[in-house]
Amino acid sequence: MTELETLEQSLQTLLTRFSSLQDENFALHEENERQREEILRSHAELLKLQSEHRNLLIAKGLTGDSEEQIKAKQHLTNLIASIDRVIEILKQ
């Protein structure tokens, strides 16, 4: 085999490997995007569950012992105060 044939064979091997790596890179980019979307969905679900948990704790506090009721009422008072502040800002 001549040097030219060896070089051509090496070049063909490199081109084949390059094509294979491009395909793999494309597949990895697609998988990366799917994983990113799954993370976003999971994060949204986590936020929803945290909100539901907080609401359940408030509801439990309203029906629980007096210490829990006090905490729940304080939390509700703080929320109402925050809403009132936002309304005042919006009026300006």
PDB file of N, CA and C in Angstrom:
ATOM      1  N   MET A   1       0.843  -1.164   0.000  1.00  0.00           N
ATOM      2  CA  MET A   1       0.000   0.000   0.000  1.00  0.00           C
ATOM      3  C   MET A   1       0.901   1.243   0.000  1.00  0.00           C
ATOM      4  N   THR A   2       0.564   2.154  -0.871  1.00  0.00           N
ATOM      5  CA  THR A   2       1.385   3.348  -0.978  1.00  0.00           C
ATOM      6  C   THR A   2       1.003   4.350   0.110  1.00  0.00           C
ATOM      7  N   GLU A   3       1.866   5.336   0.242  1.00  0.00           N
ATOM      8  CA  GLU A   3       1.600   6.369   1.242  1.00  0.00           C
ATOM      9  C   GLU A   3       0.301   7.101   0.927  1.00  0.00           C
ATOM     10  N   LEU A   4       0.039   7.327  -0.351  1.00  0.00           N
ATOM     11  CA  LEU A   4      -1.185   8.013  -0.760  1.00  0.00           C
ATOM     12  C   LEU A   4      -2.413   7.185  -0.387  1.00  0.00           C
ATOM     13  N   GLU A   5      -2.342   5.889  -0.600  1.00  0.00           N
ATOM     14  CA  GLU A   5      -3.460   5.011  -0.240  1.00  0.00           C
ATOM     15  C   GLU A   5      -3.660   4.986   1.272  1.00  0.00           C
ATOM     16  N   THR A   6      -2.555   4.963   2.003  1.00  0.00           N
ATOM     17  CA  THR A   6      -2.634   4.986   3.463  1.00  0.00           C
ATOM     18  C   THR A   6      -3.253   6.300   3.935  1.00  0.00           C
ATOM     19  N   LEU A   7      -2.832   7.384   3.329  1.00  0.00           N
ATOM     20  CA  LEU A   7      -3.375   8.695   3.676  1.00  0.00           C
ATOM     21  C   LEU A   7      -4.865   8.766   3.353  1.00  0.00           C
ATOM     22  N   GLU A   8      -5.262   8.260   2.184  1.00  0.00           N
ATOM     23  CA  GLU A   8      -6.677   8.249   1.794  1.00  0.00           C
ATOM     24  C   GLU A   8      -7.497   7.397   2.759  1.00  0.00           C
ATOM     25  N   GLN A   9      -6.947   6.275   3.152  1.00  0.00           N
ATOM     26  CA  GLN A   9      -7.648   5.391   4.093  1.00  0.00           C
ATOM     27  C   GLN A   9      -7.786   6.082   5.461  1.00  0.00           C
ATOM     28  N   SER A  10      -6.742   6.742   5.909  1.00  0.00           N
ATOM     29  CA  SER A  10      -6.791   7.465   7.181  1.00  0.00           C
ATOM     30  C   SER A  10      -7.799   8.598   7.117  1.00  0.00           C
ATOM     31  N   LEU A  11      -7.802   9.312   5.993  1.00  0.00           N
ATOM     32  CA  LEU A  11      -8.751  10.405   5.808  1.00  0.00           C
ATOM     33  C   LEU A  11     -10.183   9.868   5.828  1.00  0.00           C
ATOM     34  N   GLN A  12     -10.423   8.768   5.169  1.00  0.00           N
ATOM     35  CA  GLN A  12     -11.768   8.172   5.154  1.00  0.00           C
ATOM     36  C   GLN A  12     -12.179   7.737   6.559  1.00  0.00           C
ATOM     37  N   THR A  13     -11.252   7.186   7.312  1.00  0.00           N
ATOM     38  CA  THR A  13     -11.524   6.792   8.693  1.00  0.00           C
ATOM     39  C   THR A  13     -11.876   8.011   9.535  1.00  0.00           C
ATOM     40  N   LEU A  14     -11.107   9.087   9.359  1.00  0.00           N
ATOM     41  CA  LEU A  14     -11.382  10.320  10.096  1.00  0.00           C
ATOM     42  C   LEU A  14     -12.745  10.913   9.731  1.00  0.00           C
ATOM     43  N   LEU A  15     -13.081  10.898   8.446  1.00  0.00           N
ATOM     44  CA  LEU A  15     -14.379  11.428   8.015  1.00  0.00           C
ATOM     45  C   LEU A  15     -15.532  10.594   8.571  1.00  0.00           C
ATOM     46  N   THR A  16     -15.358   9.300   8.602  1.00  0.00           N
ATOM     47  CA  THR A  16     -16.381   8.421   9.165  1.00  0.00           C
ATOM     48  C   THR A  16     -16.550   8.689  10.656  1.00  0.00           C
ATOM     49  N   ARG A  17     -15.442   8.808  11.348  1.00  0.00           N
ATOM     50  CA  ARG A  17     -15.480   9.083  12.794  1.00  0.00           C
ATOM     51  C   ARG A  17     -16.099  10.464  13.056  1.00  0.00           C
ATOM     52  N   PHE A  18     -15.748  11.451  12.232  1.00  0.00           N
ATOM     53  CA  PHE A  18     -16.302  12.789  12.366  1.00  0.00           C
ATOM     54  C   PHE A  18     -17.823  12.767  12.205  1.00  0.00           C
ATOM     55  N   SER A  19     -18.293  12.058  11.193  1.00  0.00           N
ATOM     56  CA  SER A  19     -19.730  11.945  10.962  1.00  0.00           C
ATOM     57  C   SER A  19     -20.421  11.280  12.147  1.00  0.00           C
ATOM     58  N   SER A  20     -19.798  10.242  12.662  1.00  0.00           N
ATOM     59  CA  SER A  20     -20.346   9.539  13.826  1.00  0.00           C
ATOM     60  C   SER A  20     -20.424  10.467  15.044  1.00  0.00           C
ATOM     61  N   LEU A  21     -19.373  11.251  15.242  1.00  0.00           N
ATOM     62  CA  LEU A  21     -19.348  12.180  16.373  1.00  0.00           C
ATOM     63  C   LEU A  21     -20.378  13.294  16.205  1.00  0.00           C
ATOM     64  N   GLN A  22     -20.594  13.743  14.981  1.00  0.00           N
ATOM     65  CA  GLN A  22     -21.628  14.750  14.735  1.00  0.00           C
ATOM     66  C   GLN A  22     -23.011  14.203  15.100  1.00  0.00           C
ATOM     67  N   ASP A  23     -23.273  12.961  14.698  1.00  0.00           N
ATOM     68  CA  ASP A  23     -24.552  12.331  15.034  1.00  0.00           C
ATOM     69  C   ASP A  23     -24.721  12.200  16.545  1.00  0.00           C
ATOM     70  N   GLU A  24     -23.655  11.781  17.206  1.00  0.00           N
ATOM     71  CA  GLU A  24     -23.698  11.642  18.660  1.00  0.00           C
ATOM     72  C   GLU A  24     -23.914  13.001  19.325  1.00  0.00           C
ATOM     73  N   ASN A  25     -23.248  14.027  18.834  1.00  0.00           N
ATOM     74  CA  ASN A  25     -23.392  15.376  19.363  1.00  0.00           C
ATOM     75  C   ASN A  25     -24.833  15.858  19.216  1.00  0.00           C
ATOM     76  N   PHE A  26     -25.434  15.635  18.073  1.00  0.00           N
ATOM     77  CA  PHE A  26     -26.817  16.023  17.834  1.00  0.00           C
ATOM     78  C   PHE A  26     -27.747  15.311  18.815  1.00  0.00           C
ATOM     79  N   ALA A  27     -27.542  14.009  18.984  1.00  0.00           N
ATOM     80  CA  ALA A  27     -28.373  13.237  19.914  1.00  0.00           C
ATOM     81  C   ALA A  27     -28.214  13.747  21.344  1.00  0.00           C
ATOM     82  N   LEU A  28     -26.989  14.096  21.714  1.00  0.00           N
ATOM     83  CA  LEU A  28     -26.755  14.617  23.068  1.00  0.00           C
ATOM     84  C   LEU A  28     -27.412  15.978  23.269  1.00  0.00           C
ATOM     85  N   HIS A  29     -27.392  16.812  22.240  1.00  0.00           N
ATOM     86  CA  HIS A  29     -28.074  18.104  22.332  1.00  0.00           C
ATOM     87  C   HIS A  29     -29.580  17.912  22.516  1.00  0.00           C
ATOM     88  N   GLU A  30     -30.147  16.970  21.783  1.00  0.00           N
ATOM     89  CA  GLU A  30     -31.579  16.686  21.927  1.00  0.00           C
ATOM     90  C   GLU A  30     -31.886  16.178  23.333  1.00  0.00           C
ATOM     91  N   GLU A  31     -31.059  15.270  23.834  1.00  0.00           N
ATOM     92  CA  GLU A  31     -31.255  14.740  25.188  1.00  0.00           C
ATOM     93  C   GLU A  31     -31.113  15.853  26.220  1.00  0.00           C
ATOM     94  N   ASN A  32     -30.144  16.730  26.015  1.00  0.00           N
ATOM     95  CA  ASN A  32     -29.947  17.860  26.908  1.00  0.00           C
ATOM     96  C   ASN A  32     -31.204  18.732  26.953  1.00  0.00           C
ATOM     97  N   GLU A  33     -31.789  18.994  25.808  1.00  0.00           N
ATOM     98  CA  GLU A  33     -32.999  19.810  25.747  1.00  0.00           C
ATOM     99  C   GLU A  33     -34.168  19.111  26.446  1.00  0.00           C
ATOM    100  N   ARG A  34     -34.300  17.809  26.243  1.00  0.00           N
ATOM    101  CA  ARG A  34     -35.362  17.058  26.931  1.00  0.00           C
ATOM    102  C   ARG A  34     -35.169  17.123  28.446  1.00  0.00           C
ATOM    103  N   GLN A  35     -33.922  16.976  28.895  1.00  0.00           N
ATOM    104  CA  GLN A  35     -33.642  17.041  30.329  1.00  0.00           C
ATOM    105  C   GLN A  35     -33.935  18.429  30.880  1.00  0.00           C
ATOM    106  N   ARG A  36     -33.599  19.457  30.124  1.00  0.00           N
ATOM    107  CA  ARG A  36     -33.867  20.835  30.551  1.00  0.00           C
ATOM    108  C   ARG A  36     -35.375  21.049  30.712  1.00  0.00           C
ATOM    109  N   GLU A  37     -36.155  20.567  29.746  1.00  0.00           N
ATOM    110  CA  GLU A  37     -37.608  20.697  29.830  1.00  0.00           C
ATOM    111  C   GLU A  37     -38.160  19.928  31.029  1.00  0.00           C
ATOM    112  N   GLU A  38     -37.623  18.755  31.292  1.00  0.00           N
ATOM    113  CA  GLU A  38     -38.056  17.958  32.443  1.00  0.00           C
ATOM    114  C   GLU A  38     -37.736  18.682  33.748  1.00  0.00           C
ATOM    115  N   ILE A  39     -36.578  19.307  33.823  1.00  0.00           N
ATOM    116  CA  ILE A  39     -36.209  20.079  35.018  1.00  0.00           C
ATOM    117  C   ILE A  39     -37.189  21.231  35.217  1.00  0.00           C
ATOM    118  N   LEU A  40     -37.536  21.924  34.141  1.00  0.00           N
ATOM    119  CA  LEU A  40     -38.489  23.030  34.248  1.00  0.00           C
ATOM    120  C   LEU A  40     -39.859  22.540  34.714  1.00  0.00           C
ATOM    121  N   ARG A  41     -40.304  21.398  34.167  1.00  0.00           N
ATOM    122  CA  ARG A  41     -41.585  20.832  34.608  1.00  0.00           C
ATOM    123  C   ARG A  41     -41.516  20.428  36.079  1.00  0.00           C
ATOM    124  N   SER A  42     -40.414  19.815  36.473  1.00  0.00           N
ATOM    125  CA  SER A  42     -40.252  19.389  37.866  1.00  0.00           C
ATOM    126  C   SER A  42     -40.214  20.592  38.803  1.00  0.00           C
ATOM    127  N   HIS A  43     -39.548  21.660  38.373  1.00  0.00           N
ATOM    128  CA  HIS A  43     -39.474  22.860  39.198  1.00  0.00           C
ATOM    129  C   HIS A  43     -40.867  23.473  39.374  1.00  0.00           C
ATOM    130  N   ALA A  44     -41.638  23.527  38.296  1.00  0.00           N
ATOM    131  CA  ALA A  44     -42.996  24.067  38.380  1.00  0.00           C
ATOM    132  C   ALA A  44     -43.846  23.209  39.314  1.00  0.00           C
ATOM    133  N   GLU A  45     -43.710  21.905  39.212  1.00  0.00           N
ATOM    134  CA  GLU A  45     -44.449  20.996  40.095  1.00  0.00           C
ATOM    135  C   GLU A  45     -44.024  21.191  41.541  1.00  0.00           C
ATOM    136  N   LEU A  46     -42.727  21.371  41.777  1.00  0.00           N
ATOM    137  CA  LEU A  46     -42.230  21.607  43.129  1.00  0.00           C
ATOM    138  C   LEU A  46     -42.827  22.881  43.708  1.00  0.00           C
ATOM    139  N   LEU A  47     -42.839  23.951  42.927  1.00  0.00           N
ATOM    140  CA  LEU A  47     -43.424  25.203  43.394  1.00  0.00           C
ATOM    141  C   LEU A  47     -44.901  25.034  43.734  1.00  0.00           C
ATOM    142  N   LYS A  48     -45.602  24.296  42.890  1.00  0.00           N
ATOM    143  CA  LYS A  48     -47.029  24.048  43.130  1.00  0.00           C
ATOM    144  C   LYS A  48     -47.215  23.267  44.424  1.00  0.00           C
ATOM    145  N   LEU A  49     -46.424  22.222  44.615  1.00  0.00           N
ATOM    146  CA  LEU A  49     -46.538  21.409  45.819  1.00  0.00           C
ATOM    147  C   LEU A  49     -46.154  22.191  47.071  1.00  0.00           C
ATOM    148  N   GLN A  50     -45.150  23.054  46.960  1.00  0.00           N
ATOM    149  CA  GLN A  50     -44.776  23.884  48.110  1.00  0.00           C
ATOM    150  C   GLN A  50     -45.914  24.824  48.481  1.00  0.00           C
ATOM    151  N   SER A  51     -46.559  25.380  47.488  1.00  0.00           N
ATOM    152  CA  SER A  51     -47.690  26.266  47.741  1.00  0.00           C
ATOM    153  C   SER A  51     -48.831  25.497  48.400  1.00  0.00           C
ATOM    154  N   GLU A  52     -49.123  24.314  47.879  1.00  0.00           N
ATOM    155  CA  GLU A  52     -50.173  23.490  48.478  1.00  0.00           C
ATOM    156  C   GLU A  52     -49.820  23.112  49.908  1.00  0.00           C
ATOM    157  N   HIS A  53     -48.557  22.785  50.144  1.00  0.00           N
ATOM    158  CA  HIS A  53     -48.113  22.432  51.493  1.00  0.00           C
ATOM    159  C   HIS A  53     -48.297  23.607  52.441  1.00  0.00           C
ATOM    160  N   ARG A  54     -47.900  24.778  51.994  1.00  0.00           N
ATOM    161  CA  ARG A  54     -48.049  25.981  52.814  1.00  0.00           C
ATOM    162  C   ARG A  54     -49.524  26.226  53.121  1.00  0.00           C
ATOM    163  N   ASN A  55     -50.389  26.051  52.111  1.00  0.00           N
ATOM    164  CA  ASN A  55     -51.824  26.232  52.323  1.00  0.00           C
ATOM    165  C   ASN A  55     -52.378  25.209  53.309  1.00  0.00           C
ATOM    166  N   LEU A  56     -51.907  23.973  53.210  1.00  0.00           N
ATOM    167  CA  LEU A  56     -52.351  22.944  54.152  1.00  0.00           C
ATOM    168  C   LEU A  56     -51.902  23.266  55.571  1.00  0.00           C
ATOM    169  N   LEU A  57     -50.689  23.780  55.692  1.00  0.00           N
ATOM    170  CA  LEU A  57     -50.217  24.145  57.028  1.00  0.00           C
ATOM    171  C   LEU A  57     -51.063  25.277  57.613  1.00  0.00           C
ATOM    172  N   ILE A  58     -51.428  26.231  56.779  1.00  0.00           N
ATOM    173  CA  ILE A  58     -52.279  27.330  57.239  1.00  0.00           C
ATOM    174  C   ILE A  58     -53.643  26.784  57.645  1.00  0.00           C
ATOM    175  N   ALA A  59     -54.211  25.927  56.799  1.00  0.00           N
ATOM    176  CA  ALA A  59     -55.516  25.351  57.119  1.00  0.00           C
ATOM    177  C   ALA A  59     -55.445  24.533  58.404  1.00  0.00           C
ATOM    178  N   LYS A  60     -54.400  23.784  58.560  1.00  0.00           N
ATOM    179  CA  LYS A  60     -54.227  22.997  59.776  1.00  0.00           C
ATOM    180  C   LYS A  60     -54.085  23.923  60.978  1.00  0.00           C
ATOM    181  N   GLY A  61     -53.354  25.015  60.771  1.00  0.00           N
ATOM    182  CA  GLY A  61     -53.162  25.972  61.852  1.00  0.00           C
ATOM    183  C   GLY A  61     -54.460  26.593  62.311  1.00  0.00           C
ATOM    184  N   LEU A  62     -55.367  26.793  61.371  1.00  0.00           N
ATOM    185  CA  LEU A  62     -56.647  27.397  61.730  1.00  0.00           C
ATOM    186  C   LEU A  62     -57.531  26.428  62.505  1.00  0.00           C
ATOM    187  N   THR A  63     -57.287  25.140  62.329  1.00  0.00           N
ATOM    188  CA  THR A  63     -58.108  24.151  63.023  1.00  0.00           C
ATOM    189  C   THR A  63     -57.352  23.453  64.143  1.00  0.00           C
ATOM    190  N   GLY A  64     -56.056  23.770  64.294  1.00  0.00           N
ATOM    191  CA  GLY A  64     -55.225  23.087  65.283  1.00  0.00           C
ATOM    192  C   GLY A  64     -55.282  23.747  66.642  1.00  0.00           C
ATOM    193  N   ASP A  65     -54.221  23.542  67.408  1.00  0.00           N
ATOM    194  CA  ASP A  65     -54.168  24.121  68.753  1.00  0.00           C
ATOM    195  C   ASP A  65     -53.949  25.630  68.669  1.00  0.00           C
ATOM    196  N   SER A  66     -53.991  26.274  69.786  1.00  0.00           N
ATOM    197  CA  SER A  66     -53.961  27.734  69.798  1.00  0.00           C
ATOM    198  C   SER A  66     -52.636  28.295  69.280  1.00  0.00           C
ATOM    199  N   GLU A  67     -51.524  27.635  69.536  1.00  0.00           N
ATOM    200  CA  GLU A  67     -50.234  28.122  69.039  1.00  0.00           C
ATOM    201  C   GLU A  67     -50.196  28.091  67.518  1.00  0.00           C
ATOM    202  N   GLU A  68     -50.689  27.007  66.920  1.00  0.00           N
ATOM    203  CA  GLU A  68     -50.730  26.910  65.468  1.00  0.00           C
ATOM    204  C   GLU A  68     -51.700  27.929  64.885  1.00  0.00           C
ATOM    205  N   GLN A  69     -52.806  28.165  65.587  1.00  0.00           N
ATOM    206  CA  GLN A  69     -53.764  29.167  65.120  1.00  0.00           C
ATOM    207  C   GLN A  69     -53.135  30.558  65.118  1.00  0.00           C
ATOM    208  N   ILE A  70     -52.377  30.852  66.149  1.00  0.00           N
ATOM    209  CA  ILE A  70     -51.720  32.156  66.228  1.00  0.00           C
ATOM    210  C   ILE A  70     -50.735  32.330  65.079  1.00  0.00           C
ATOM    211  N   LYS A  71     -49.919  31.285  64.811  1.00  0.00           N
ATOM    212  CA  LYS A  71     -48.961  31.354  63.706  1.00  0.00           C
ATOM    213  C   LYS A  71     -49.675  31.533  62.377  1.00  0.00           C
ATOM    214  N   ALA A  72     -50.761  30.779  62.184  1.00  0.00           N
ATOM    215  CA  ALA A  72     -51.510  30.865  60.925  1.00  0.00           C
ATOM    216  C   ALA A  72     -52.114  32.247  60.750  1.00  0.00           C
ATOM    217  N   LYS A  73     -52.690  32.778  61.825  1.00  0.00           N
ATOM    218  CA  LYS A  73     -53.290  34.113  61.745  1.00  0.00           C
ATOM    219  C   LYS A  73     -52.224  35.173  61.477  1.00  0.00           C
ATOM    220  N   GLN A  74     -51.050  35.029  62.079  1.00  0.00           N
ATOM    221  CA  GLN A  74     -49.963  35.969  61.821  1.00  0.00           C
ATOM    222  C   GLN A  74     -49.537  35.910  60.358  1.00  0.00           C
ATOM    223  N   HIS A  75     -49.458  34.685  59.840  1.00  0.00           N
ATOM    224  CA  HIS A  75     -49.080  34.515  58.440  1.00  0.00           C
ATOM    225  C   HIS A  75     -50.120  35.167  57.538  1.00  0.00           C
ATOM    226  N   LEU A  76     -51.382  34.927  57.808  1.00  0.00           N
ATOM    227  CA  LEU A  76     -52.444  35.533  57.006  1.00  0.00           C
ATOM    228  C   LEU A  76     -52.414  37.057  57.125  1.00  0.00           C
ATOM    229  N   THR A  77     -52.156  37.558  58.317  1.00  0.00           N
ATOM    230  CA  THR A  77     -52.057  39.003  58.514  1.00  0.00           C
ATOM    231  C   THR A  77     -50.915  39.582  57.696  1.00  0.00           C
ATOM    232  N   ASN A  78     -49.785  38.903  57.702  1.00  0.00           N
ATOM    233  CA  ASN A  78     -48.642  39.352  56.897  1.00  0.00           C
ATOM    234  C   ASN A  78     -48.965  39.345  55.407  1.00  0.00           C
ATOM    235  N   LEU A  79     -49.660  38.287  54.956  1.00  0.00           N
ATOM    236  CA  LEU A  79     -50.039  38.213  53.545  1.00  0.00           C
ATOM    237  C   LEU A  79     -50.981  39.355  53.179  1.00  0.00           C
ATOM    238  N   ILE A  80     -51.946  39.611  54.036  1.00  0.00           N
ATOM    239  CA  ILE A  80     -52.897  40.689  53.768  1.00  0.00           C
ATOM    240  C   ILE A  80     -52.178  42.035  53.749  1.00  0.00           C
ATOM    241  N   ALA A  81     -51.257  42.241  54.680  1.00  0.00           N
ATOM    242  CA  ALA A  81     -50.490  43.488  54.704  1.00  0.00           C
ATOM    243  C   ALA A  81     -49.676  43.644  53.425  1.00  0.00           C
ATOM    244  N   SER A  82     -49.081  42.562  52.956  1.00  0.00           N
ATOM    245  CA  SER A  82     -48.312  42.617  51.706  1.00  0.00           C
ATOM    246  C   SER A  82     -49.212  42.971  50.531  1.00  0.00           C
ATOM    247  N   ILE A  83     -50.381  42.377  50.497  1.00  0.00           N
ATOM    248  CA  ILE A  83     -51.334  42.666  49.420  1.00  0.00           C
ATOM    249  C   ILE A  83     -51.764  44.121  49.489  1.00  0.00           C
ATOM    250  N   ASP A  84     -52.038  44.604  50.689  1.00  0.00           N
ATOM    251  CA  ASP A  84     -52.415  46.008  50.859  1.00  0.00           C
ATOM    252  C   ASP A  84     -51.319  46.949  50.366  1.00  0.00           C
ATOM    253  N   ARG A  85     -50.052  46.615  50.672  1.00  0.00           N
ATOM    254  CA  ARG A  85     -48.942  47.449  50.209  1.00  0.00           C
ATOM    255  C   ARG A  85     -48.873  47.470  48.676  1.00  0.00           C
ATOM    256  N   VAL A  86     -49.067  46.325  48.071  1.00  0.00           N
ATOM    257  CA  VAL A  86     -49.037  46.242  46.609  1.00  0.00           C
ATOM    258  C   VAL A  86     -50.169  47.070  46.009  1.00  0.00           C
ATOM    259  N   ILE A  87     -51.340  46.983  46.610  1.00  0.00           N
ATOM    260  CA  ILE A  87     -52.486  47.759  46.115  1.00  0.00           C
ATOM    261  C   ILE A  87     -52.178  49.248  46.219  1.00  0.00           C
ATOM    262  N   GLU A  88     -51.591  49.684  47.324  1.00  0.00           N
ATOM    263  CA  GLU A  88     -51.241  51.088  47.482  1.00  0.00           C
ATOM    264  C   GLU A  88     -50.232  51.535  46.431  1.00  0.00           C
ATOM    265  N   ILE A  89     -49.271  50.691  46.160  1.00  0.00           N
ATOM    266  CA  ILE A  89     -48.263  51.011  45.139  1.00  0.00           C
ATOM    267  C   ILE A  89     -48.913  51.127  43.765  1.00  0.00           C
ATOM    268  N   LEU A  90     -49.842  50.224  43.485  1.00  0.00           N
ATOM    269  CA  LEU A  90     -50.527  50.244  42.186  1.00  0.00           C
ATOM    270  C   LEU A  90     -51.416  51.478  42.040  1.00  0.00           C
ATOM    271  N   LYS A  91     -51.924  51.975  43.130  1.00  0.00           N
ATOM    272  CA  LYS A  91     -52.776  53.168  43.071  1.00  0.00           C
ATOM    273  C   LYS A  91     -51.975  54.408  42.703  1.00  0.00           C
ATOM    274  N   GLN A  92     -50.695  54.428  43.009  1.00  0.00           N
ATOM    275  CA  GLN A  92     -49.872  55.600  42.771  1.00  0.00           C
ATOM    276  C   GLN A  92     -49.581  55.824  41.320  1.00  0.00           C
TER     277      GLN A  92
END
